[in-house]
């Protein structure tokens, strides 16, 4: 997966649809915006500071999971707070970890649209 190549293909699609239906033009604009966002997140996710922060969050989440499994006398409110914290941390981690998968999906979609409209 090469983001530069995908951006080039998006430019090709813009050219193909420049005089086409506005809904197609909007789809291409949305794909481009998603691509830029996912690319920035994936790139940022490889930064050493972010990688270290994510490792720390994973460690905290492992501790939360351990408490949830092992502390049988945990009150419901405390259990709920732990689960909410775990979900919050997981959401933050997913912003960076899932970006590569998202980039691949966008790239595939762009290539499919381009291929279908070259014929």
PDB file of N, CA and C in Angstrom:
ATOM      1  N   UNK A   1       0.845  -1.172   0.000  1.00  0.00           N
ATOM      2  CA  UNK A   1       0.000   0.000   0.000  1.00  0.00           C
ATOM      3  C   UNK A   1       0.893   1.238   0.000  1.00  0.00           C
ATOM      4  N   UNK A   2       0.715   2.044  -1.005  1.00  0.00           N
ATOM      5  CA  UNK A   2       1.487   3.274  -1.131  1.00  0.00           C
ATOM      6  C   UNK A   2       0.520   4.458  -1.127  1.00  0.00           C
ATOM      7  N   UNK A   3       0.510   5.243  -0.048  1.00  0.00           N
ATOM      8  CA  UNK A   3      -0.432   6.367   0.036  1.00  0.00           C
ATOM      9  C   UNK A   3      -0.262   7.381  -1.100  1.00  0.00           C
ATOM     10  N   UNK A   4       0.969   7.599  -1.536  1.00  0.00           N
ATOM     11  CA  UNK A   4       1.209   8.556  -2.617  1.00  0.00           C
ATOM     12  C   UNK A   4       0.516   8.078  -3.887  1.00  0.00           C
ATOM     13  N   UNK A   5       0.629   6.793  -4.166  1.00  0.00           N
ATOM     14  CA  UNK A   5      -0.035   6.209  -5.330  1.00  0.00           C
ATOM     15  C   UNK A   5      -1.552   6.360  -5.217  1.00  0.00           C
ATOM     16  N   UNK A   6      -2.075   6.136  -4.023  1.00  0.00           N
ATOM     17  CA  UNK A   6      -3.525   6.263  -3.816  1.00  0.00           C
ATOM     18  C   UNK A   6      -3.978   7.704  -4.018  1.00  0.00           C
ATOM     19  N   UNK A   7      -3.199   8.670  -3.515  1.00  0.00           N
ATOM     20  CA  UNK A   7      -3.554  10.072  -3.735  1.00  0.00           C
ATOM     21  C   UNK A   7      -3.535  10.407  -5.229  1.00  0.00           C
ATOM     22  N   UNK A   8      -2.602   9.821  -5.970  1.00  0.00           N
ATOM     23  CA  UNK A   8      -2.561  10.032  -7.423  1.00  0.00           C
ATOM     24  C   UNK A   8      -3.824   9.475  -8.075  1.00  0.00           C
ATOM     25  N   UNK A   9      -4.247   8.312  -7.612  1.00  0.00           N
ATOM     26  CA  UNK A   9      -5.461   7.701  -8.162  1.00  0.00           C
ATOM     27  C   UNK A   9      -6.694   8.531  -7.815  1.00  0.00           C
ATOM     28  N   UNK A  10      -6.691   9.121  -6.629  1.00  0.00           N
ATOM     29  CA  UNK A  10      -7.804  10.000  -6.254  1.00  0.00           C
ATOM     30  C   UNK A  10      -7.852  11.197  -7.197  1.00  0.00           C
ATOM     31  N   UNK A  11      -6.686  11.720  -7.548  1.00  0.00           N
ATOM     32  CA  UNK A  11      -6.633  12.837  -8.507  1.00  0.00           C
ATOM     33  C   UNK A  11      -7.177  12.411  -9.868  1.00  0.00           C
ATOM     34  N   UNK A  12      -6.878  11.175 -10.279  1.00  0.00           N
ATOM     35  CA  UNK A  12      -7.437  10.645 -11.533  1.00  0.00           C
ATOM     36  C   UNK A  12      -8.962  10.593 -11.452  1.00  0.00           C
ATOM     37  N   UNK A  13      -9.471  10.129 -10.313  1.00  0.00           N
ATOM     38  CA  UNK A  13     -10.921  10.050 -10.132  1.00  0.00           C
ATOM     39  C   UNK A  13     -11.556  11.431 -10.172  1.00  0.00           C
ATOM     40  N   UNK A  14     -10.907  12.405  -9.568  1.00  0.00           N
ATOM     41  CA  UNK A  14     -11.430  13.775  -9.605  1.00  0.00           C
ATOM     42  C   UNK A  14     -11.552  14.248 -11.045  1.00  0.00           C
ATOM     43  N   UNK A  15     -10.556  13.906 -11.845  1.00  0.00           N
ATOM     44  CA  UNK A  15     -10.564  14.306 -13.259  1.00  0.00           C
ATOM     45  C   UNK A  15     -11.701  13.606 -14.008  1.00  0.00           C
ATOM     46  N   UNK A  16     -11.871  12.312 -13.726  1.00  0.00           N
ATOM     47  CA  UNK A  16     -12.932  11.546 -14.384  1.00  0.00           C
ATOM     48  C   UNK A  16     -14.303  12.115 -14.042  1.00  0.00           C
ATOM     49  N   UNK A  17     -14.514  12.492 -12.765  1.00  0.00           N
ATOM     50  CA  UNK A  17     -15.827  12.932 -12.306  1.00  0.00           C
ATOM     51  C   UNK A  17     -15.997  14.447 -12.261  1.00  0.00           C
ATOM     52  N   UNK A  18     -15.031  15.209 -12.792  1.00  0.00           N
ATOM     53  CA  UNK A  18     -15.126  16.667 -12.665  1.00  0.00           C
ATOM     54  C   UNK A  18     -16.370  17.237 -13.331  1.00  0.00           C
ATOM     55  N   UNK A  19     -16.857  16.602 -14.366  1.00  0.00           N
ATOM     56  CA  UNK A  19     -18.084  17.094 -14.986  1.00  0.00           C
ATOM     57  C   UNK A  19     -19.230  16.110 -14.782  1.00  0.00           C
ATOM     58  N   UNK A  20     -19.032  15.197 -13.855  1.00  0.00           N
ATOM     59  CA  UNK A  20     -20.041  14.178 -13.581  1.00  0.00           C
ATOM     60  C   UNK A  20     -21.012  14.602 -12.503  1.00  0.00           C
ATOM     61  N   UNK A  21     -21.717  13.615 -11.998  1.00  0.00           N
ATOM     62  CA  UNK A  21     -22.718  13.863 -10.965  1.00  0.00           C
ATOM     63  C   UNK A  21     -22.059  14.357  -9.682  1.00  0.00           C
ATOM     64  N   UNK A  22     -22.737  15.273  -9.017  1.00  0.00           N
ATOM     65  CA  UNK A  22     -22.187  15.838  -7.781  1.00  0.00           C
ATOM     66  C   UNK A  22     -22.059  14.796  -6.675  1.00  0.00           C
ATOM     67  N   UNK A  23     -22.934  13.792  -6.652  1.00  0.00           N
ATOM     68  CA  UNK A  23     -22.814  12.783  -5.605  1.00  0.00           C
ATOM     69  C   UNK A  23     -21.530  11.966  -5.779  1.00  0.00           C
ATOM     70  N   UNK A  24     -21.113  11.706  -7.021  1.00  0.00           N
ATOM     71  CA  UNK A  24     -19.847  11.018  -7.260  1.00  0.00           C
ATOM     72  C   UNK A  24     -18.676  11.906  -6.837  1.00  0.00           C
ATOM     73  N   UNK A  25     -18.778  13.184  -7.143  1.00  0.00           N
ATOM     74  CA  UNK A  25     -17.720  14.117  -6.749  1.00  0.00           C
ATOM     75  C   UNK A  25     -17.599  14.150  -5.222  1.00  0.00           C
ATOM     76  N   UNK A  26     -18.719  14.117  -4.540  1.00  0.00           N
ATOM     77  CA  UNK A  26     -18.716  14.147  -3.083  1.00  0.00           C
ATOM     78  C   UNK A  26     -18.083  12.880  -2.504  1.00  0.00           C
ATOM     79  N   UNK A  27     -18.362  11.732  -3.111  1.00  0.00           N
ATOM     80  CA  UNK A  27     -17.768  10.468  -2.667  1.00  0.00           C
ATOM     81  C   UNK A  27     -16.245  10.549  -2.772  1.00  0.00           C
ATOM     82  N   UNK A  28     -15.753  11.101  -3.859  1.00  0.00           N
ATOM     83  CA  UNK A  28     -14.305  11.219  -4.061  1.00  0.00           C
ATOM     84  C   UNK A  28     -13.707  12.178  -3.038  1.00  0.00           C
ATOM     85  N   UNK A  29     -14.383  13.275  -2.758  1.00  0.00           N
ATOM     86  CA  UNK A  29     -13.897  14.225  -1.746  1.00  0.00           C
ATOM     87  C   UNK A  29     -13.838  13.556  -0.375  1.00  0.00           C
ATOM     88  N   UNK A  30     -14.853  12.768  -0.049  1.00  0.00           N
ATOM     89  CA  UNK A  30     -14.873  12.072   1.242  1.00  0.00           C
ATOM     90  C   UNK A  30     -13.751  11.044   1.335  1.00  0.00           C
ATOM     91  N   UNK A  31     -13.523  10.309   0.249  1.00  0.00           N
ATOM     92  CA  UNK A  31     -12.429   9.341   0.237  1.00  0.00           C
ATOM     93  C   UNK A  31     -11.083  10.035   0.447  1.00  0.00           C
ATOM     94  N   UNK A  32     -10.911  11.172  -0.201  1.00  0.00           N
ATOM     95  CA  UNK A  32      -9.659  11.909  -0.059  1.00  0.00           C
ATOM     96  C   UNK A  32      -9.475  12.394   1.386  1.00  0.00           C
ATOM     97  N   UNK A  33     -10.532  12.916   1.973  1.00  0.00           N
ATOM     98  CA  UNK A  33     -10.450  13.396   3.359  1.00  0.00           C
ATOM     99  C   UNK A  33     -10.150  12.239   4.311  1.00  0.00           C
ATOM    100  N   UNK A  34     -10.819  11.100   4.118  1.00  0.00           N
ATOM    101  CA  UNK A  34     -10.566   9.925   4.950  1.00  0.00           C
ATOM    102  C   UNK A  34      -9.127   9.449   4.788  1.00  0.00           C
ATOM    103  N   UNK A  35      -8.652   9.471   3.546  1.00  0.00           N
ATOM    104  CA  UNK A  35      -7.287   9.028   3.261  1.00  0.00           C
ATOM    105  C   UNK A  35      -6.280   9.915   3.985  1.00  0.00           C
ATOM    106  N   UNK A  36      -6.469  11.214   3.907  1.00  0.00           N
ATOM    107  CA  UNK A  36      -5.549  12.148   4.574  1.00  0.00           C
ATOM    108  C   UNK A  36      -5.540  11.920   6.091  1.00  0.00           C
ATOM    109  N   UNK A  37      -6.719  11.779   6.663  1.00  0.00           N
ATOM    110  CA  UNK A  37      -6.819  11.575   8.108  1.00  0.00           C
ATOM    111  C   UNK A  37      -6.159  10.258   8.522  1.00  0.00           C
ATOM    112  N   UNK A  38      -6.474   9.183   7.830  1.00  0.00           N
ATOM    113  CA  UNK A  38      -5.909   7.871   8.163  1.00  0.00           C
ATOM    114  C   UNK A  38      -4.391   7.875   7.972  1.00  0.00           C
ATOM    115  N   UNK A  39      -3.927   8.529   6.918  1.00  0.00           N
ATOM    116  CA  UNK A  39      -2.492   8.606   6.652  1.00  0.00           C
ATOM    117  C   UNK A  39      -1.773   9.353   7.771  1.00  0.00           C
ATOM    118  N   UNK A  40      -2.338  10.469   8.212  1.00  0.00           N
ATOM    119  CA  UNK A  40      -1.722  11.238   9.292  1.00  0.00           C
ATOM    120  C   UNK A  40      -1.704  10.438  10.590  1.00  0.00           C
ATOM    121  N   UNK A  41      -2.793   9.758  10.886  1.00  0.00           N
ATOM    122  CA  UNK A  41      -2.859   8.963  12.117  1.00  0.00           C
ATOM    123  C   UNK A  41      -1.860   7.817  12.088  1.00  0.00           C
ATOM    124  N   UNK A  42      -1.785   7.128  10.948  1.00  0.00           N
ATOM    125  CA  UNK A  42      -0.850   6.002  10.836  1.00  0.00           C
ATOM    126  C   UNK A  42       0.581   6.500  10.972  1.00  0.00           C
ATOM    127  N   UNK A  43       0.874   7.628  10.354  1.00  0.00           N
ATOM    128  CA  UNK A  43       2.208   8.203  10.435  1.00  0.00           C
ATOM    129  C   UNK A  43       2.515   8.636  11.864  1.00  0.00           C
ATOM    130  N   UNK A  44       1.575   9.285  12.493  1.00  0.00           N
ATOM    131  CA  UNK A  44       1.760   9.738  13.869  1.00  0.00           C
ATOM    132  C   UNK A  44       1.892   8.544  14.821  1.00  0.00           C
ATOM    133  N   UNK A  45       1.192   7.473  14.518  1.00  0.00           N
ATOM    134  CA  UNK A  45       1.238   6.276  15.353  1.00  0.00           C
ATOM    135  C   UNK A  45       2.610   5.615  15.392  1.00  0.00           C
ATOM    136  N   UNK A  46       3.472   5.926  14.433  1.00  0.00           N
ATOM    137  CA  UNK A  46       4.821   5.359  14.427  1.00  0.00           C
ATOM    138  C   UNK A  46       5.822   6.258  15.139  1.00  0.00           C
ATOM    139  N   UNK A  47       5.367   7.410  15.618  1.00  0.00           N
ATOM    140  CA  UNK A  47       6.258   8.313  16.346  1.00  0.00           C
ATOM    141  C   UNK A  47       6.614   7.663  17.685  1.00  0.00           C
ATOM    142  N   UNK A  48       7.900   7.711  18.084  1.00  0.00           N
ATOM    143  CA  UNK A  48       8.319   7.046  19.327  1.00  0.00           C
ATOM    144  C   UNK A  48       7.535   7.479  20.576  1.00  0.00           C
ATOM    145  N   UNK A  49       7.180   8.746  20.674  1.00  0.00           N
ATOM    146  CA  UNK A  49       6.428   9.210  21.846  1.00  0.00           C
ATOM    147  C   UNK A  49       5.046   8.562  21.884  1.00  0.00           C
ATOM    148  N   UNK A  50       4.378   8.527  20.741  1.00  0.00           N
ATOM    149  CA  UNK A  50       3.040   7.918  20.667  1.00  0.00           C
ATOM    150  C   UNK A  50       3.145   6.412  20.911  1.00  0.00           C
ATOM    151  N   UNK A  51       4.147   5.763  20.321  1.00  0.00           N
ATOM    152  CA  UNK A  51       4.325   4.327  20.541  1.00  0.00           C
ATOM    153  C   UNK A  51       4.507   4.018  22.021  1.00  0.00           C
ATOM    154  N   UNK A  52       5.319   4.834  22.695  1.00  0.00           N
ATOM    155  CA  UNK A  52       5.562   4.629  24.125  1.00  0.00           C
ATOM    156  C   UNK A  52       4.285   4.859  24.934  1.00  0.00           C
ATOM    157  N   UNK A  53       3.530   5.885  24.560  1.00  0.00           N
ATOM    158  CA  UNK A  53       2.271   6.191  25.243  1.00  0.00           C
ATOM    159  C   UNK A  53       1.283   5.033  25.077  1.00  0.00           C
ATOM    160  N   UNK A  54       1.208   4.497  23.871  1.00  0.00           N
ATOM    161  CA  UNK A  54       0.307   3.372  23.609  1.00  0.00           C
ATOM    162  C   UNK A  54       0.719   2.156  24.426  1.00  0.00           C
ATOM    163  N   UNK A  55       2.024   1.894  24.520  1.00  0.00           N
ATOM    164  CA  UNK A  55       2.497   0.775  25.346  1.00  0.00           C
ATOM    165  C   UNK A  55       2.062   0.967  26.795  1.00  0.00           C
ATOM    166  N   UNK A  56       2.165   2.212  27.283  1.00  0.00           N
ATOM    167  CA  UNK A  56       1.727   2.501  28.648  1.00  0.00           C
ATOM    168  C   UNK A  56       0.247   2.259  28.834  1.00  0.00           C
ATOM    169  N   UNK A  57      -0.548   2.697  27.853  1.00  0.00           N
ATOM    170  CA  UNK A  57      -1.996   2.479  27.934  1.00  0.00           C
ATOM    171  C   UNK A  57      -2.336   0.990  27.906  1.00  0.00           C
ATOM    172  N   UNK A  58      -1.624   0.238  27.078  1.00  0.00           N
ATOM    173  CA  UNK A  58      -1.855  -1.208  27.024  1.00  0.00           C
ATOM    174  C   UNK A  58      -1.540  -1.833  28.384  1.00  0.00           C
ATOM    175  N   UNK A  59      -0.473  -1.366  29.027  1.00  0.00           N
ATOM    176  CA  UNK A  59      -0.136  -1.859  30.362  1.00  0.00           C
ATOM    177  C   UNK A  59      -1.229  -1.556  31.370  1.00  0.00           C
ATOM    178  N   UNK A  60      -1.760  -0.347  31.323  1.00  0.00           N
ATOM    179  CA  UNK A  60      -2.851   0.032  32.229  1.00  0.00           C
ATOM    180  C   UNK A  60      -4.086  -0.824  31.943  1.00  0.00           C
ATOM    181  N   UNK A  61      -4.374  -1.020  30.658  1.00  0.00           N
ATOM    182  CA  UNK A  61      -5.542  -1.838  30.287  1.00  0.00           C
ATOM    183  C   UNK A  61      -5.381  -3.280  30.773  1.00  0.00           C
ATOM    184  N   UNK A  62      -4.156  -3.801  30.683  1.00  0.00           N
ATOM    185  CA  UNK A  62      -3.915  -5.161  31.190  1.00  0.00           C
ATOM    186  C   UNK A  62      -4.162  -5.216  32.696  1.00  0.00           C
ATOM    187  N   UNK A  63      -3.756  -4.166  33.405  1.00  0.00           N
ATOM    188  CA  UNK A  63      -4.024  -4.098  34.842  1.00  0.00           C
ATOM    189  C   UNK A  63      -5.512  -4.037  35.135  1.00  0.00           C
ATOM    190  N   UNK A  64      -6.235  -3.259  34.344  1.00  0.00           N
ATOM    191  CA  UNK A  64      -7.691  -3.163  34.503  1.00  0.00           C
ATOM    192  C   UNK A  64      -8.330  -4.524  34.259  1.00  0.00           C
ATOM    193  N   UNK A  65      -7.913  -5.177  33.184  1.00  0.00           N
ATOM    194  CA  UNK A  65      -8.465  -6.508  32.876  1.00  0.00           C
ATOM    195  C   UNK A  65      -8.198  -7.488  34.015  1.00  0.00           C
ATOM    196  N   UNK A  66      -7.002  -7.413  34.563  1.00  0.00           N
ATOM    197  CA  UNK A  66      -6.652  -8.288  35.672  1.00  0.00           C
ATOM    198  C   UNK A  66      -7.546  -8.010  36.885  1.00  0.00           C
ATOM    199  N   UNK A  67      -7.738  -6.747  37.204  1.00  0.00           N
ATOM    200  CA  UNK A  67      -8.610  -6.404  38.341  1.00  0.00           C
ATOM    201  C   UNK A  67     -10.031  -6.887  38.102  1.00  0.00           C
ATOM    202  N   UNK A  68     -10.537  -6.663  36.875  1.00  0.00           N
ATOM    203  CA  UNK A  68     -11.906  -7.085  36.568  1.00  0.00           C
ATOM    204  C   UNK A  68     -12.068  -8.598  36.703  1.00  0.00           C
ATOM    205  N   UNK A  69     -11.039  -9.340  36.343  1.00  0.00           N
ATOM    206  CA  UNK A  69     -11.113 -10.803  36.438  1.00  0.00           C
ATOM    207  C   UNK A  69     -10.891 -11.336  37.846  1.00  0.00           C
ATOM    208  N   UNK A  70     -10.045 -10.673  38.602  1.00  0.00           N
ATOM    209  CA  UNK A  70      -9.606 -11.255  39.874  1.00  0.00           C
ATOM    210  C   UNK A  70     -10.229 -10.660  41.124  1.00  0.00           C
ATOM    211  N   UNK A  71     -10.697  -9.441  41.073  1.00  0.00           N
ATOM    212  CA  UNK A  71     -11.267  -8.820  42.269  1.00  0.00           C
ATOM    213  C   UNK A  71     -12.772  -9.074  42.305  1.00  0.00           C
ATOM    214  N   UNK A  72     -13.130 -10.137  42.954  1.00  0.00           N
ATOM    215  CA  UNK A  72     -14.542 -10.548  42.999  1.00  0.00           C
ATOM    216  C   UNK A  72     -15.411  -9.596  43.821  1.00  0.00           C
ATOM    217  N   UNK A  73     -14.841  -8.923  44.817  1.00  0.00           N
ATOM    218  CA  UNK A  73     -15.622  -8.050  45.687  1.00  0.00           C
ATOM    219  C   UNK A  73     -15.714  -6.615  45.183  1.00  0.00           C
ATOM    220  N   UNK A  74     -15.326  -6.380  43.946  1.00  0.00           N
ATOM    221  CA  UNK A  74     -15.346  -5.033  43.381  1.00  0.00           C
ATOM    222  C   UNK A  74     -16.786  -4.536  43.268  1.00  0.00           C
ATOM    223  N   UNK A  75     -17.044  -3.355  43.821  1.00  0.00           N
ATOM    224  CA  UNK A  75     -18.400  -2.798  43.752  1.00  0.00           C
ATOM    225  C   UNK A  75     -18.761  -2.464  42.314  1.00  0.00           C
ATOM    226  N   UNK A  76     -20.042  -2.445  42.067  1.00  0.00           N
ATOM    227  CA  UNK A  76     -20.532  -2.214  40.706  1.00  0.00           C
ATOM    228  C   UNK A  76     -20.043  -0.881  40.134  1.00  0.00           C
ATOM    229  N   UNK A  77     -20.095   0.195  40.933  1.00  0.00           N
ATOM    230  CA  UNK A  77     -19.637   1.502  40.451  1.00  0.00           C
ATOM    231  C   UNK A  77     -18.159   1.473  40.079  1.00  0.00           C
ATOM    232  N   UNK A  78     -17.356   0.846  40.905  1.00  0.00           N
ATOM    233  CA  UNK A  78     -15.915   0.746  40.637  1.00  0.00           C
ATOM    234  C   UNK A  78     -15.672  -0.079  39.378  1.00  0.00           C
ATOM    235  N   UNK A  79     -16.416  -1.153  39.235  1.00  0.00           N
ATOM    236  CA  UNK A  79     -16.303  -2.009  38.040  1.00  0.00           C
ATOM    237  C   UNK A  79     -16.691  -1.225  36.785  1.00  0.00           C
ATOM    238  N   UNK A  80     -17.786  -0.464  36.868  1.00  0.00           N
ATOM    239  CA  UNK A  80     -18.233   0.340  35.727  1.00  0.00           C
ATOM    240  C   UNK A  80     -17.186   1.391  35.346  1.00  0.00           C
ATOM    241  N   UNK A  81     -16.586   2.046  36.357  1.00  0.00           N
ATOM    242  CA  UNK A  81     -15.547   3.053  36.078  1.00  0.00           C
ATOM    243  C   UNK A  81     -14.336   2.420  35.397  1.00  0.00           C
ATOM    244  N   UNK A  82     -13.955   1.249  35.870  1.00  0.00           N
ATOM    245  CA  UNK A  82     -12.829   0.546  35.251  1.00  0.00           C
ATOM    246  C   UNK A  82     -13.129   0.193  33.794  1.00  0.00           C
ATOM    247  N   UNK A  83     -14.338  -0.284  33.548  1.00  0.00           N
ATOM    248  CA  UNK A  83     -14.718  -0.652  32.184  1.00  0.00           C
ATOM    249  C   UNK A  83     -14.773   0.575  31.278  1.00  0.00           C
ATOM    250  N   UNK A  84     -15.279   1.697  31.795  1.00  0.00           N
ATOM    251  CA  UNK A  84     -15.315   2.934  31.010  1.00  0.00           C
ATOM    252  C   UNK A  84     -13.910   3.418  30.691  1.00  0.00           C
ATOM    253  N   UNK A  85     -13.025   3.345  31.672  1.00  0.00           N
ATOM    254  CA  UNK A  85     -11.632   3.752  31.463  1.00  0.00           C
ATOM    255  C   UNK A  85     -10.977   2.871  30.406  1.00  0.00           C
ATOM    256  N   UNK A  86     -11.219   1.572  30.503  1.00  0.00           N
ATOM    257  CA  UNK A  86     -10.652   0.631  29.523  1.00  0.00           C
ATOM    258  C   UNK A  86     -11.155   0.958  28.113  1.00  0.00           C
ATOM    259  N   UNK A  87     -12.429   1.241  27.977  1.00  0.00           N
ATOM    260  CA  UNK A  87     -12.995   1.582  26.671  1.00  0.00           C
ATOM    261  C   UNK A  87     -12.398   2.877  26.125  1.00  0.00           C
ATOM    262  N   UNK A  88     -12.217   3.858  26.988  1.00  0.00           N
ATOM    263  CA  UNK A  88     -11.617   5.126  26.583  1.00  0.00           C
ATOM    264  C   UNK A  88     -10.194   4.913  26.069  1.00  0.00           C
ATOM    265  N   UNK A  89      -9.395   4.156  26.815  1.00  0.00           N
ATOM    266  CA  UNK A  89      -8.016   3.880  26.402  1.00  0.00           C
ATOM    267  C   UNK A  89      -7.994   3.084  25.106  1.00  0.00           C
ATOM    268  N   UNK A  90      -8.893   2.114  24.991  1.00  0.00           N
ATOM    269  CA  UNK A  90      -8.941   1.303  23.773  1.00  0.00           C
ATOM    270  C   UNK A  90      -9.295   2.167  22.569  1.00  0.00           C
ATOM    271  N   UNK A  91     -10.209   3.103  22.752  1.00  0.00           N
ATOM    272  CA  UNK A  91     -10.564   4.016  21.669  1.00  0.00           C
ATOM    273  C   UNK A  91      -9.378   4.848  21.216  1.00  0.00           C
ATOM    274  N   UNK A  92      -8.600   5.333  22.166  1.00  0.00           N
ATOM    275  CA  UNK A  92      -7.410   6.114  21.824  1.00  0.00           C
ATOM    276  C   UNK A  92      -6.412   5.256  21.053  1.00  0.00           C
ATOM    277  N   UNK A  93      -6.179   4.058  21.530  1.00  0.00           N
ATOM    278  CA  UNK A  93      -5.242   3.153  20.854  1.00  0.00           C
ATOM    279  C   UNK A  93      -5.715   2.852  19.437  1.00  0.00           C
ATOM    280  N   UNK A  94      -7.008   2.609  19.276  1.00  0.00           N
ATOM    281  CA  UNK A  94      -7.557   2.281  17.959  1.00  0.00           C
ATOM    282  C   UNK A  94      -7.377   3.400  16.947  1.00  0.00           C
ATOM    283  N   UNK A  95      -7.354   4.645  17.421  1.00  0.00           N
ATOM    284  CA  UNK A  95      -7.145   5.778  16.509  1.00  0.00           C
ATOM    285  C   UNK A  95      -5.868   5.565  15.713  1.00  0.00           C
ATOM    286  N   UNK A  96      -4.834   5.041  16.345  1.00  0.00           N
ATOM    287  CA  UNK A  96      -3.554   4.867  15.675  1.00  0.00           C
ATOM    288  C   UNK A  96      -3.378   3.476  15.086  1.00  0.00           C
ATOM    289  N   UNK A  97      -3.802   2.460  15.802  1.00  0.00           N
ATOM    290  CA  UNK A  97      -3.579   1.086  15.360  1.00  0.00           C
ATOM    291  C   UNK A  97      -4.455   0.735  14.154  1.00  0.00           C
ATOM    292  N   UNK A  98      -5.679   1.168  14.158  1.00  0.00           N
ATOM    293  CA  UNK A  98      -6.611   0.824  13.080  1.00  0.00           C
ATOM    294  C   UNK A  98      -6.400   1.670  11.830  1.00  0.00           C
ATOM    295  N   UNK A  99      -5.580   2.707  11.906  1.00  0.00           N
ATOM    296  CA  UNK A  99      -5.382   3.596  10.761  1.00  0.00           C
ATOM    297  C   UNK A  99      -4.786   2.865   9.562  1.00  0.00           C
ATOM    298  N   UNK A 100      -3.865   1.953   9.796  1.00  0.00           N
ATOM    299  CA  UNK A 100      -3.258   1.206   8.686  1.00  0.00           C
ATOM    300  C   UNK A 100      -4.302   0.348   7.974  1.00  0.00           C
ATOM    301  N   UNK A 101      -5.154  -0.298   8.753  1.00  0.00           N
ATOM    302  CA  UNK A 101      -6.230  -1.100   8.161  1.00  0.00           C
ATOM    303  C   UNK A 101      -7.177  -0.204   7.365  1.00  0.00           C
ATOM    304  N   UNK A 102      -7.475   0.959   7.925  1.00  0.00           N
ATOM    305  CA  UNK A 102      -8.374   1.903   7.262  1.00  0.00           C
ATOM    306  C   UNK A 102      -7.758   2.390   5.950  1.00  0.00           C
ATOM    307  N   UNK A 103      -6.453   2.663   5.953  1.00  0.00           N
ATOM    308  CA  UNK A 103      -5.760   3.075   4.730  1.00  0.00           C
ATOM    309  C   UNK A 103      -5.892   2.010   3.647  1.00  0.00           C
ATOM    310  N   UNK A 104      -5.730   0.763   4.037  1.00  0.00           N
ATOM    311  CA  UNK A 104      -5.845  -0.333   3.072  1.00  0.00           C
ATOM    312  C   UNK A 104      -7.251  -0.411   2.477  1.00  0.00           C
ATOM    313  N   UNK A 105      -8.268  -0.232   3.317  1.00  0.00           N
ATOM    314  CA  UNK A 105      -9.650  -0.268   2.830  1.00  0.00           C
ATOM    315  C   UNK A 105      -9.912   0.871   1.851  1.00  0.00           C
ATOM    316  N   UNK A 106      -9.436   2.068   2.192  1.00  0.00           N
ATOM    317  CA  UNK A 106      -9.641   3.219   1.315  1.00  0.00           C
ATOM    318  C   UNK A 106      -8.923   2.992  -0.009  1.00  0.00           C
ATOM    319  N   UNK A 107      -7.684   2.516   0.061  1.00  0.00           N
ATOM    320  CA  UNK A 107      -6.904   2.250  -1.153  1.00  0.00           C
ATOM    321  C   UNK A 107      -7.639   1.269  -2.052  1.00  0.00           C
ATOM    322  N   UNK A 108      -8.167   0.209  -1.458  1.00  0.00           N
ATOM    323  CA  UNK A 108      -8.896  -0.798  -2.235  1.00  0.00           C
ATOM    324  C   UNK A 108     -10.137  -0.184  -2.881  1.00  0.00           C
ATOM    325  N   UNK A 109     -10.861   0.622  -2.124  1.00  0.00           N
ATOM    326  CA  UNK A 109     -12.075   1.249  -2.652  1.00  0.00           C
ATOM    327  C   UNK A 109     -11.744   2.191  -3.808  1.00  0.00           C
ATOM    328  N   UNK A 110     -10.681   2.997  -3.652  1.00  0.00           N
ATOM    329  CA  UNK A 110     -10.263   3.922  -4.710  1.00  0.00           C
ATOM    330  C   UNK A 110      -9.902   3.142  -5.965  1.00  0.00           C
ATOM    331  N   UNK A 111      -9.146   2.061  -5.795  1.00  0.00           N
ATOM    332  CA  UNK A 111      -8.747   1.255  -6.952  1.00  0.00           C
ATOM    333  C   UNK A 111      -9.950   0.616  -7.639  1.00  0.00           C
ATOM    334  N   UNK A 112     -10.925   0.163  -6.854  1.00  0.00           N
ATOM    335  CA  UNK A 112     -12.134  -0.432  -7.440  1.00  0.00           C
ATOM    336  C   UNK A 112     -12.926   0.597  -8.242  1.00  0.00           C
ATOM    337  N   UNK A 113     -13.077   1.781  -7.683  1.00  0.00           N
ATOM    338  CA  UNK A 113     -13.831   2.845  -8.369  1.00  0.00           C
ATOM    339  C   UNK A 113     -13.107   3.233  -9.653  1.00  0.00           C
ATOM    340  N   UNK A 114     -11.799   3.380  -9.568  1.00  0.00           N
ATOM    341  CA  UNK A 114     -11.007   3.779 -10.727  1.00  0.00           C
ATOM    342  C   UNK A 114     -11.094   2.719 -11.807  1.00  0.00           C
ATOM    343  N   UNK A 115     -10.947   1.466 -11.429  1.00  0.00           N
ATOM    344  CA  UNK A 115     -11.008   0.367 -12.385  1.00  0.00           C
ATOM    345  C   UNK A 115     -12.372   0.301 -13.062  1.00  0.00           C
ATOM    346  N   UNK A 116     -13.433   0.476 -12.294  1.00  0.00           N
ATOM    347  CA  UNK A 116     -14.793   0.430 -12.850  1.00  0.00           C
ATOM    348  C   UNK A 116     -15.064   1.577 -13.810  1.00  0.00           C
ATOM    349  N   UNK A 117     -14.382   2.692 -13.640  1.00  0.00           N
ATOM    350  CA  UNK A 117     -14.661   3.861 -14.482  1.00  0.00           C
ATOM    351  C   UNK A 117     -13.664   4.058 -15.600  1.00  0.00           C
ATOM    352  N   UNK A 118     -12.701   3.174 -15.738  1.00  0.00           N
ATOM    353  CA  UNK A 118     -11.760   3.238 -16.857  1.00  0.00           C
ATOM    354  C   UNK A 118     -12.272   2.489 -18.063  1.00  0.00           C
ATOM    355  N   UNK A 119     -13.260   1.648 -17.852  1.00  0.00           N
ATOM    356  CA  UNK A 119     -13.767   0.800 -18.935  1.00  0.00           C
ATOM    357  C   UNK A 119     -14.706   1.545 -19.823  1.00  0.00           C
TER     358      UNK A 119
END
